[in-house]
C-alpha atoms as a PDB file:
ATOM      1  CA  UNK A   1       0.000   0.000   0.000  1.00  0.00           C
ATOM      2  CA  UNK A   2       2.821   2.380   0.904  1.00  0.00           C
ATOM      3  CA  UNK A   3       4.551   1.568  -2.356  1.00  0.00           C
ATOM      4  CA  UNK A   4       1.352   2.356  -4.307  1.00  0.00           C
ATOM      5  CA  UNK A   5       0.923   5.696  -2.593  1.00  0.00           C
ATOM      6  CA  UNK A   6       4.579   6.493  -3.193  1.00  0.00           C
ATOM      7  CA  UNK A   7       4.269   5.670  -6.874  1.00  0.00           C
ATOM      8  CA  UNK A   8       1.153   7.802  -7.241  1.00  0.00           C
ATOM      9  CA  UNK A   9       2.875  10.709  -5.529  1.00  0.00           C
ATOM     10  CA  UNK A  10       5.870  10.351  -7.795  1.00  0.00           C
ATOM     11  CA  UNK A  11       3.649  10.191 -10.873  1.00  0.00           C
ATOM     12  CA  UNK A  12       1.716  13.248  -9.732  1.00  0.00           C
ATOM     13  CA  UNK A  13       4.934  15.108  -9.072  1.00  0.00           C
ATOM     14  CA  UNK A  14       6.178  14.211 -12.551  1.00  0.00           C
ATOM     15  CA  UNK A  15       2.969  15.443 -14.148  1.00  0.00           C
ATOM     16  CA  UNK A  16       3.085  18.696 -12.229  1.00  0.00           C
ATOM     17  CA  UNK A  17       6.737  19.269 -13.085  1.00  0.00           C
ATOM     18  CA  UNK A  18       6.102  18.952 -16.843  1.00  0.00           C
ATOM     19  CA  UNK A  19       7.150  22.470 -17.802  1.00  0.00           C
ATOM     20  CA  UNK A  20       7.909  21.923 -21.483  1.00  0.00           C
ATOM     21  CA  UNK A  21       6.814  24.675 -23.863  1.00  0.00           C
ATOM     22  CA  UNK A  22       4.001  22.589 -25.335  1.00  0.00           C
ATOM     23  CA  UNK A  23       2.792  21.558 -21.877  1.00  0.00           C
ATOM     24  CA  UNK A  24       2.817  25.179 -20.721  1.00  0.00           C
ATOM     25  CA  UNK A  25       0.670  26.132 -23.689  1.00  0.00           C
ATOM     26  CA  UNK A  26      -1.783  23.245 -23.266  1.00  0.00           C
ATOM     27  CA  UNK A  27      -2.159  23.759 -19.511  1.00  0.00           C
ATOM     28  CA  UNK A  28      -2.494  27.535 -19.765  1.00  0.00           C
ATOM     29  CA  UNK A  29      -5.706  29.442 -19.145  1.00  0.00           C
ATOM     30  CA  UNK A  30      -7.640  30.301 -22.320  1.00  0.00           C
ATOM     31  CA  UNK A  31      -6.788  33.979 -21.940  1.00  0.00           C
ATOM     32  CA  UNK A  32      -3.076  33.184 -21.663  1.00  0.00           C
ATOM     33  CA  UNK A  33      -3.428  30.860 -24.669  1.00  0.00           C
ATOM     34  CA  UNK A  34      -4.986  33.697 -26.671  1.00  0.00           C
ATOM     35  CA  UNK A  35      -2.095  35.979 -25.701  1.00  0.00           C
ATOM     36  CA  UNK A  36       0.457  33.348 -26.718  1.00  0.00           C
ATOM     37  CA  UNK A  37      -1.228  32.684 -30.067  1.00  0.00           C
ATOM     38  CA  UNK A  38      -1.436  36.404 -30.769  1.00  0.00           C
ATOM     39  CA  UNK A  39       2.261  36.871 -30.078  1.00  0.00           C
ATOM     40  CA  UNK A  40       3.254  33.825 -32.144  1.00  0.00           C
ATOM     41  CA  UNK A  41       1.220  35.070 -35.127  1.00  0.00           C
ATOM     42  CA  UNK A  42       2.657  38.583 -34.755  1.00  0.00           C
ATOM     43  CA  UNK A  43       6.176  37.155 -34.676  1.00  0.00           C
ATOM     44  CA  UNK A  44       5.518  34.969 -37.734  1.00  0.00           C
ATOM     45  CA  UNK A  45       4.100  37.881 -39.742  1.00  0.00           C
ATOM     46  CA  UNK A  46       6.958  40.139 -38.627  1.00  0.00           C
ATOM     47  CA  UNK A  47       9.549  37.669 -39.914  1.00  0.00           C
ATOM     48  CA  UNK A  48       7.683  37.385 -43.217  1.00  0.00           C
ATOM     49  CA  UNK A  49       7.824  41.185 -43.590  1.00  0.00           C
ATOM     50  CA  UNK A  50      11.501  41.250 -42.557  1.00  0.00           C
ATOM     51  CA  UNK A  51      12.584  38.730 -45.190  1.00  0.00           C
ATOM     52  CA  UNK A  52      10.453  40.438 -47.848  1.00  0.00           C
ATOM     53  CA  UNK A  53      11.937  43.868 -47.072  1.00  0.00           C
ATOM     54  CA  UNK A  54      15.511  42.540 -47.015  1.00  0.00           C
ATOM     55  CA  UNK A  55      15.132  41.136 -50.526  1.00  0.00           C
ATOM     56  CA  UNK A  56      13.272  44.170 -51.908  1.00  0.00           C
ATOM     57  CA  UNK A  57      15.600  46.807 -50.465  1.00  0.00           C
ATOM     58  CA  UNK A  58      18.667  44.871 -51.608  1.00  0.00           C
ATOM     59  CA  UNK A  59      17.246  44.686 -55.140  1.00  0.00           C
ATOM     60  CA  UNK A  60      16.284  48.371 -55.164  1.00  0.00           C
ATOM     61  CA  UNK A  61      19.781  49.423 -54.096  1.00  0.00           C
ATOM     62  CA  UNK A  62      21.412  47.205 -56.741  1.00  0.00           C
ATOM     63  CA  UNK A  63      19.076  48.495 -59.477  1.00  0.00           C
ATOM     64  CA  UNK A  64      19.665  52.088 -58.376  1.00  0.00           C
ATOM     65  CA  UNK A  65      23.445  51.650 -58.563  1.00  0.00           C
ATOM     66  CA  UNK A  66      23.145  50.223 -62.080  1.00  0.00           C
ATOM     67  CA  UNK A  67      20.793  52.999 -63.207  1.00  0.00           C
ATOM     68  CA  UNK A  68      23.064  55.754 -61.911  1.00  0.00           C
ATOM     69  CA  UNK A  69      25.963  54.136 -63.743  1.00  0.00           C
ATOM     70  CA  UNK A  70      23.945  54.137 -66.989  1.00  0.00           C
ATOM     71  CA  UNK A  71      22.659  57.663 -66.418  1.00  0.00           C
ATOM     72  CA  UNK A  72      26.063  59.232 -65.855  1.00  0.00           C
ATOM     73  CA  UNK A  73      27.813  57.166 -68.545  1.00  0.00           C
ATOM     74  CA  UNK A  74      27.335  59.964 -71.065  1.00  0.00           C
ATOM     75  CA  UNK A  75      24.800  58.155 -73.218  1.00  0.00           C
ATOM     76  CA  UNK A  76      21.641  59.618 -74.659  1.00  0.00           C
ATOM     77  CA  UNK A  77      18.966  60.331 -72.068  1.00  0.00           C
ATOM     78  CA  UNK A  78      16.284  59.993 -74.733  1.00  0.00           C
ATOM     79  CA  UNK A  79      17.505  56.489 -75.554  1.00  0.00           C
ATOM     80  CA  UNK A  80      17.527  55.602 -71.861  1.00  0.00           C
ATOM     81  CA  UNK A  81      14.004  56.956 -71.495  1.00  0.00           C
ATOM     82  CA  UNK A  82      12.756  54.998 -74.520  1.00  0.00           C
ATOM     83  CA  UNK A  83      14.274  51.795 -73.182  1.00  0.00           C
ATOM     84  CA  UNK A  84      12.743  52.250 -69.729  1.00  0.00           C
ATOM     85  CA  UNK A  85       9.375  53.211 -71.182  1.00  0.00           C
ATOM     86  CA  UNK A  86       9.214  49.944 -73.126  1.00  0.00           C
ATOM     87  CA  UNK A  87      10.319  47.668 -70.286  1.00  0.00           C
ATOM     88  CA  UNK A  88       8.706  49.740 -67.538  1.00  0.00           C
ATOM     89  CA  UNK A  89      10.664  51.323 -64.647  1.00  0.00           C
ATOM     90  CA  UNK A  90      11.384  48.699 -61.992  1.00  0.00           C
ATOM     91  CA  UNK A  91      12.800  50.824 -59.169  1.00  0.00           C
ATOM     92  CA  UNK A  92      12.182  54.280 -57.651  1.00  0.00           C
ATOM     93  CA  UNK A  93      14.989  56.189 -59.382  1.00  0.00           C
ATOM     94  CA  UNK A  94      13.919  54.895 -62.797  1.00  0.00           C
ATOM     95  CA  UNK A  95      10.318  55.884 -62.004  1.00  0.00           C
ATOM     96  CA  UNK A  96      11.582  59.337 -61.064  1.00  0.00           C
ATOM     97  CA  UNK A  97      13.541  59.700 -64.287  1.00  0.00           C
ATOM     98  CA  UNK A  98      10.711  58.449 -66.507  1.00  0.00           C
ATOM     99  CA  UNK A  99       8.177  60.802 -64.874  1.00  0.00           C
ATOM    100  CA  UNK A 100      10.445  63.824 -65.397  1.00  0.00           C
ATOM    101  CA  UNK A 101      11.296  62.915 -68.993  1.00  0.00           C
ATOM    102  CA  UNK A 102       7.630  62.291 -69.804  1.00  0.00           C
ATOM    103  CA  UNK A 103       6.730  65.772 -68.568  1.00  0.00           C
ATOM    104  CA  UNK A 104       9.654  67.197 -70.551  1.00  0.00           C
ATOM    105  CA  UNK A 105       8.542  65.554 -73.791  1.00  0.00           C
ATOM    106  CA  UNK A 106       4.868  66.425 -73.370  1.00  0.00           C
ATOM    107  CA  UNK A 107       5.686  70.069 -72.785  1.00  0.00           C
ATOM    108  CA  UNK A 108       8.062  70.135 -75.741  1.00  0.00           C
ATOM    109  CA  UNK A 109       5.610  68.441 -78.103  1.00  0.00           C
ATOM    110  CA  UNK A 110       2.825  70.850 -77.142  1.00  0.00           C
ATOM    111  CA  UNK A 111       5.023  73.901 -77.610  1.00  0.00           C
ATOM    112  CA  UNK A 112       4.897  74.976 -73.981  1.00  0.00           C
ATOM    113  CA  UNK A 113       8.644  75.613 -73.740  1.00  0.00           C
ATOM    114  CA  UNK A 114       8.728  79.125 -75.163  1.00  0.00           C
ATOM    115  CA  UNK A 115      10.225  82.162 -73.524  1.00  0.00           C
ATOM    116  CA  UNK A 116      11.493  82.538 -70.016  1.00  0.00           C
ATOM    117  CA  UNK A 117       8.032  82.095 -68.524  1.00  0.00           C
ATOM    118  CA  UNK A 118       7.550  78.792 -70.337  1.00  0.00           C
ATOM    119  CA  UNK A 119      10.954  77.546 -69.249  1.00  0.00           C
ATOM    120  CA  UNK A 120      10.292  78.516 -65.646  1.00  0.00           C
ATOM    121  CA  UNK A 121       6.888  76.791 -65.673  1.00  0.00           C
ATOM    122  CA  UNK A 122       8.440  73.618 -67.090  1.00  0.00           C
ATOM    123  CA  UNK A 123      11.080  73.537 -64.377  1.00  0.00           C
ATOM    124  CA  UNK A 124       8.409  73.945 -61.709  1.00  0.00           C
ATOM    125  CA  UNK A 125       6.287  71.165 -63.203  1.00  0.00           C
ATOM    126  CA  UNK A 126       9.255  68.814 -63.452  1.00  0.00           C
ATOM    127  CA  UNK A 127      10.160  69.531 -59.821  1.00  0.00           C
ATOM    128  CA  UNK A 128       6.589  68.813 -58.704  1.00  0.00           C
ATOM    129  CA  UNK A 129       6.413  65.609 -60.741  1.00  0.00           C
ATOM    130  CA  UNK A 130       9.656  64.347 -59.241  1.00  0.00           C
ATOM    131  CA  UNK A 131       8.579  65.278 -55.722  1.00  0.00           C
ATOM    132  CA  UNK A 132       5.297  63.402 -56.092  1.00  0.00           C
ATOM    133  CA  UNK A 133       7.128  60.407 -57.584  1.00  0.00           C
ATOM    134  CA  UNK A 134       9.551  60.304 -54.652  1.00  0.00           C
ATOM    135  CA  UNK A 135       6.718  60.425 -52.110  1.00  0.00           C
ATOM    136  CA  UNK A 136       4.739  57.730 -53.921  1.00  0.00           C
ATOM    137  CA  UNK A 137       7.688  55.374 -54.315  1.00  0.00           C
ATOM    138  CA  UNK A 138       8.865  55.796 -50.718  1.00  0.00           C
ATOM    139  CA  UNK A 139       5.339  55.157 -49.478  1.00  0.00           C
ATOM    140  CA  UNK A 140       5.225  51.960 -51.532  1.00  0.00           C
ATOM    141  CA  UNK A 141       8.564  50.698 -50.209  1.00  0.00           C
ATOM    142  CA  UNK A 142       7.758  51.627 -46.609  1.00  0.00           C
ATOM    143  CA  UNK A 143       4.512  49.638 -46.649  1.00  0.00           C
ATOM    144  CA  UNK A 144       4.124  47.318 -43.611  1.00  0.00           C
ATOM    145  CA  UNK A 145       6.940  48.999 -41.687  1.00  0.00           C
ATOM    146  CA  UNK A 146       4.261  50.418 -39.420  1.00  0.00           C
ATOM    147  CA  UNK A 147       3.315  46.861 -38.462  1.00  0.00           C
ATOM    148  CA  UNK A 148       6.891  46.169 -37.361  1.00  0.00           C
ATOM    149  CA  UNK A 149       6.846  49.333 -35.276  1.00  0.00           C
ATOM    150  CA  UNK A 150       3.540  48.324 -33.673  1.00  0.00           C
ATOM    151  CA  UNK A 151       4.758  44.806 -32.892  1.00  0.00           C
ATOM    152  CA  UNK A 152       7.969  46.167 -31.414  1.00  0.00           C
ATOM    153  CA  UNK A 153       6.164  48.588 -29.128  1.00  0.00           C
ATOM    154  CA  UNK A 154       3.035  46.601 -28.199  1.00  0.00           C
ATOM    155  CA  UNK A 155       4.246  42.979 -27.904  1.00  0.00           C
ATOM    156  CA  UNK A 156       6.074  43.422 -24.556  1.00  0.00           C
ATOM    157  CA  UNK A 157       2.903  44.854 -23.018  1.00  0.00           C
ATOM    158  CA  UNK A 158       0.763  42.060 -24.446  1.00  0.00           C
ATOM    159  CA  UNK A 159       3.228  39.545 -22.981  1.00  0.00           C
ATOM    160  CA  UNK A 160       3.106  41.461 -19.687  1.00  0.00           C
ATOM    161  CA  UNK A 161      -0.674  41.099 -19.674  1.00  0.00           C
ATOM    162  CA  UNK A 162      -0.243  37.316 -20.001  1.00  0.00           C
ATOM    163  CA  UNK A 163       2.303  37.444 -17.203  1.00  0.00           C
ATOM    164  CA  UNK A 164      -0.041  39.274 -14.854  1.00  0.00           C
ATOM    165  CA  UNK A 165      -2.876  36.895 -15.686  1.00  0.00           C
ATOM    166  CA  UNK A 166      -0.687  33.832 -15.063  1.00  0.00           C
ATOM    167  CA  UNK A 167       0.432  35.177 -11.690  1.00  0.00           C
ATOM    168  CA  UNK A 168      -3.187  35.864 -10.777  1.00  0.00           C
ATOM    169  CA  UNK A 169      -3.972  32.225 -11.554  1.00  0.00           C
ATOM    170  CA  UNK A 170      -1.103  31.161  -9.314  1.00  0.00           C
ATOM    171  CA  UNK A 171      -2.442  33.168  -6.384  1.00  0.00           C
ATOM    172  CA  UNK A 172      -5.910  31.781  -7.057  1.00  0.00           C
ATOM    173  CA  UNK A 173      -4.489  28.231  -6.955  1.00  0.00           C
ATOM    174  CA  UNK A 174      -2.818  29.010  -3.638  1.00  0.00           C
ATOM    175  CA  UNK A 175      -6.063  30.370  -2.209  1.00  0.00           C
ATOM    176  CA  UNK A 176      -8.096  27.409  -3.451  1.00  0.00           C
ATOM    177  CA  UNK A 177      -5.735  24.662  -2.293  1.00  0.00           C
ATOM    178  CA  UNK A 178      -4.441  26.510   0.786  1.00  0.00           C
ATOM    179  CA  UNK A 179      -1.058  25.160  -0.196  1.00  0.00           C
ATOM    180  CA  UNK A 180       1.957  27.354  -0.839  1.00  0.00           C
ATOM    181  CA  UNK A 181       4.215  24.615  -2.177  1.00  0.00           C
ATOM    182  CA  UNK A 182       6.132  25.203  -5.381  1.00  0.00           C
ATOM    183  CA  UNK A 183       4.176  22.451  -7.139  1.00  0.00           C
ATOM    184  CA  UNK A 184       1.003  24.545  -6.829  1.00  0.00           C
ATOM    185  CA  UNK A 185       2.360  27.873  -8.044  1.00  0.00           C
ATOM    186  CA  UNK A 186       4.991  26.660 -10.538  1.00  0.00           C
ATOM    187  CA  UNK A 187       2.650  26.072 -13.528  1.00  0.00           C
ATOM    188  CA  UNK A 188       1.058  29.517 -13.324  1.00  0.00           C
ATOM    189  CA  UNK A 189       4.399  31.262 -12.871  1.00  0.00           C
ATOM    190  CA  UNK A 190       5.900  29.282 -15.745  1.00  0.00           C
ATOM    191  CA  UNK A 191       2.985  30.256 -17.999  1.00  0.00           C
ATOM    192  CA  UNK A 192       3.469  33.874 -16.993  1.00  0.00           C
ATOM    193  CA  UNK A 193       7.176  33.811 -17.811  1.00  0.00           C
ATOM    194  CA  UNK A 194       6.486  32.013 -21.094  1.00  0.00           C
ATOM    195  CA  UNK A 195       4.083  34.778 -22.156  1.00  0.00           C
ATOM    196  CA  UNK A 196       6.720  37.372 -21.300  1.00  0.00           C
ATOM    197  CA  UNK A 197       9.328  35.493 -23.331  1.00  0.00           C
ATOM    198  CA  UNK A 198       7.021  35.318 -26.343  1.00  0.00           C
ATOM    199  CA  UNK A 199       6.395  39.051 -26.089  1.00  0.00           C
ATOM    200  CA  UNK A 200      10.122  39.765 -26.154  1.00  0.00           C
ATOM    201  CA  UNK A 201      10.642  37.189 -28.903  1.00  0.00           C
ATOM    202  CA  UNK A 202       8.191  39.080 -31.103  1.00  0.00           C
ATOM    203  CA  UNK A 203       9.305  42.588 -30.131  1.00  0.00           C
ATOM    204  CA  UNK A 204      13.108  42.435 -30.333  1.00  0.00           C
ATOM    205  CA  UNK A 205      13.466  41.354 -34.001  1.00  0.00           C
ATOM    206  CA  UNK A 206      10.683  43.742 -35.038  1.00  0.00           C
ATOM    207  CA  UNK A 207      12.372  46.735 -33.383  1.00  0.00           C
ATOM    208  CA  UNK A 208      15.806  45.875 -34.777  1.00  0.00           C
ATOM    209  CA  UNK A 209      14.431  45.323 -38.283  1.00  0.00           C
ATOM    210  CA  UNK A 210      12.383  48.528 -38.166  1.00  0.00           C
ATOM    211  CA  UNK A 211      15.419  50.598 -37.188  1.00  0.00           C
ATOM    212  CA  UNK A 212      17.562  48.946 -39.871  1.00  0.00           C
ATOM    213  CA  UNK A 213      14.977  49.426 -42.630  1.00  0.00           C
ATOM    214  CA  UNK A 214      14.281  53.007 -41.571  1.00  0.00           C
ATOM    215  CA  UNK A 215      17.980  53.789 -41.848  1.00  0.00           C
ATOM    216  CA  UNK A 216      18.275  52.099 -45.264  1.00  0.00           C
ATOM    217  CA  UNK A 217      15.180  53.839 -46.628  1.00  0.00           C
ATOM    218  CA  UNK A 218      16.376  57.157 -45.244  1.00  0.00           C
ATOM    219  CA  UNK A 219      19.579  56.819 -47.250  1.00  0.00           C
ATOM    220  CA  UNK A 220      17.558  55.798 -50.323  1.00  0.00           C
ATOM    221  CA  UNK A 221      15.348  58.870 -49.941  1.00  0.00           C
ATOM    222  CA  UNK A 222      18.448  61.091 -49.775  1.00  0.00           C
ATOM    223  CA  UNK A 223      19.754  59.471 -52.977  1.00  0.00           C
ATOM    224  CA  UNK A 224      16.450  60.066 -54.753  1.00  0.00           C
ATOM    225  CA  UNK A 225      16.281  63.703 -53.676  1.00  0.00           C
ATOM    226  CA  UNK A 226      19.902  64.197 -54.694  1.00  0.00           C
ATOM    227  CA  UNK A 227      19.223  62.681 -58.101  1.00  0.00           C
ATOM    228  CA  UNK A 228      16.133  64.866 -58.511  1.00  0.00           C
ATOM    229  CA  UNK A 229      18.169  67.979 -57.764  1.00  0.00           C
ATOM    230  CA  UNK A 230      20.939  66.991 -60.164  1.00  0.00           C
ATOM    231  CA  UNK A 231      18.482  66.093 -62.907  1.00  0.00           C
ATOM    232  CA  UNK A 232      16.650  69.401 -62.517  1.00  0.00           C
ATOM    233  CA  UNK A 233      19.951  71.262 -62.732  1.00  0.00           C
ATOM    234  CA  UNK A 234      20.867  69.291 -65.852  1.00  0.00           C
ATOM    235  CA  UNK A 235      17.549  70.083 -67.520  1.00  0.00           C
ATOM    236  CA  UNK A 236      17.716  73.723 -66.500  1.00  0.00           C
ATOM    237  CA  UNK A 237      21.153  74.064 -68.069  1.00  0.00           C
ATOM    238  CA  UNK A 238      19.991  72.386 -71.268  1.00  0.00           C
ATOM    239  CA  UNK A 239      16.925  74.641 -71.465  1.00  0.00           C
ATOM    240  CA  UNK A 240      19.065  77.729 -70.976  1.00  0.00           C
ATOM    241  CA  UNK A 241      21.394  76.576 -73.760  1.00  0.00           C
ATOM    242  CA  UNK A 242      18.480  76.021 -76.106  1.00  0.00           C
ATOM    243  CA  UNK A 243      17.040  79.436 -75.230  1.00  0.00           C
ATOM    244  CA  UNK A 244      20.403  81.102 -75.876  1.00  0.00           C
ATOM    245  CA  UNK A 245      20.590  79.520 -79.334  1.00  0.00           C
END
């Protein structure tokens, strides 16, 4: 009889001490489970965005380097524009260039580039077109970065909510069983710590990725604005030369 009781106690102790991640999730309260699932899904979606942005930004930078090399190679800008118009611009700087050249050609074909007033109006229109193109392209590339920022700032607090709820369950178990042994409070505390860990697991990569992408896109925006300024200066000089002739 003593051996049976001892075996049952050992088996019960083994069941209680099962603190594996899966066991913590299965044994958790439904509210803590909802918190864990929310954090896991947020982390999964964050990693999907991170990998997508890494590939896209890397491709944009490589395409931009190649375009700048072609642009400043001394070749014909009209030929470059015709080639990009056929294939379609695939990156922000090419979109910027095509938009400016399209406005240039339309104004020239319609005879709007006459006199100083016409030249000044064309320069203003080209500047506005390039500014709008920059804003539109940056908005397209920055899509979903707000989600990373939200995950990075909110996930620790969501995990903290699960932590508080798990600790409340532990105190409730103590009050119900009138037993302060570690076997009674360990599951609830472990669930609470697990929720906190999931919150940090979702938040840390999201914050690091958001800061990295923001820095990369900031440098890309500076490159686009610099190119827009140089292209406007180039067009202005060409217009002045044509007016002088």
